[in-house]
Protein backbone atom coordinates (compact mmCIF):
# COMPACT_ATOMS: atom_id res chain seq x y z
CA MET A 1 69.80 105.70 88.30
CA ALA A 2 72.93 106.53 89.77
CA LEU A 3 74.00 103.45 93.19
CA PHE A 4 75.73 107.33 95.24
CA LYS A 5 75.27 110.54 94.80
CA LYS A 6 77.53 112.19 95.07
CA ARG A 7 77.87 114.24 97.62
CA THR A 8 78.11 118.29 96.59
CA VAL A 9 77.38 120.19 99.70
CA GLY A 10 79.26 119.63 102.93
CA LYS A 11 77.41 119.47 106.15
CA PRO A 12 77.98 122.51 108.43
CA GLY A 13 80.33 121.70 111.10
CA GLU A 14 82.24 119.19 109.21
CA TRP A 15 85.93 121.28 109.07
CA TYR A 16 88.66 119.76 105.81
CA TYR A 17 92.07 120.74 105.41
CA CYS A 18 92.53 120.89 101.29
CA LEU A 19 95.49 119.48 99.92
CA GLU A 20 95.85 120.35 96.62
CA HIS A 21 94.50 124.43 97.75
CA LYS A 22 96.30 124.26 100.93
CA LYS A 23 93.33 125.65 102.87
CA VAL A 24 90.42 124.91 105.08
CA GLU A 25 87.18 124.04 103.33
CA GLU A 26 83.81 123.66 105.43
CA GLY A 27 81.88 121.27 104.35
CA PRO A 28 83.64 118.58 101.36
CA GLU A 29 84.25 121.45 98.43
CA CYS A 30 87.21 119.01 96.74
CA PRO A 31 87.41 115.46 95.51
CA ALA A 32 87.81 113.46 98.46
CA LYS A 33 91.57 112.42 97.03
CA ASN A 34 92.41 115.88 97.95
CA ARG A 35 91.59 116.30 101.30
CA PHE A 36 91.95 115.68 104.94
CA GLY A 37 88.86 114.71 107.21
CA PRO A 38 86.02 115.27 108.44
CA TYR A 39 87.08 117.36 111.35
CA THR A 40 84.98 119.31 113.85
CA SER A 41 86.66 122.13 113.88
CA ARG A 42 88.19 124.46 111.86
CA GLU A 43 91.01 125.03 114.13
CA GLU A 44 91.67 121.10 113.91
CA ALA A 45 91.21 121.48 110.33
CA ALA A 46 94.17 124.23 110.09
CA HIS A 47 96.52 121.67 112.12
CA ALA A 48 95.66 118.85 109.55
CA MET A 49 99.81 118.71 108.11
CA GLU A 50 100.41 119.53 111.41
CA THR A 51 98.72 115.54 113.05
CA ALA A 52 99.78 114.25 109.48
CA ARG A 53 103.74 114.50 110.38
CA GLU A 54 103.59 114.04 113.41
CA ARG A 55 101.84 110.77 112.83
CA ASN A 56 104.52 110.08 110.36
CA LEU A 57 106.62 109.99 113.12
CA GLU A 58 105.47 107.95 115.16
CA TRP A 59 104.86 105.63 113.21
CA GLU A 60 108.27 105.49 111.44
CA THR A 61 109.64 105.50 115.08
CA ASP A 62 107.20 102.32 116.52
CA PRO A 63 109.49 100.01 117.30
CA ARG A 64 106.95 97.09 116.55
CA TRP A 65 107.55 97.99 112.76
CA HIS A 66 111.59 97.54 113.39
CA ASP A 67 111.79 94.82 114.91
CA GLU A 68 115.46 92.79 114.06
CA ALA A 69 113.00 90.04 114.80
CA GLY A 70 110.36 90.03 111.64
CA LYS A 71 113.74 91.51 109.77
CA ASP A 72 114.30 87.76 108.31
CA ARG A 73 110.44 86.75 108.27
CA THR A 74 109.03 86.07 104.45
CA PRO A 75 106.04 87.33 103.32
CA ASP A 76 104.30 83.17 104.17
CA GLU A 77 105.29 82.51 108.12
């Protein structure tokens, strides 16, 4: 008996963006490693790459990750 069942059919209303095929899918059609989601709407999934770019930019420019005091610290401090 398998410990985890592979879900082959998605739930209606779950939307994903497939990174490999560069398309929106209802329900998970492709492996989890190749998709973003789930999203609540097709429109939201269609903008997945734009959302990811915006979030990456926010993280890259977040001053909490680029503070001067933390640059000289060792991981044990």
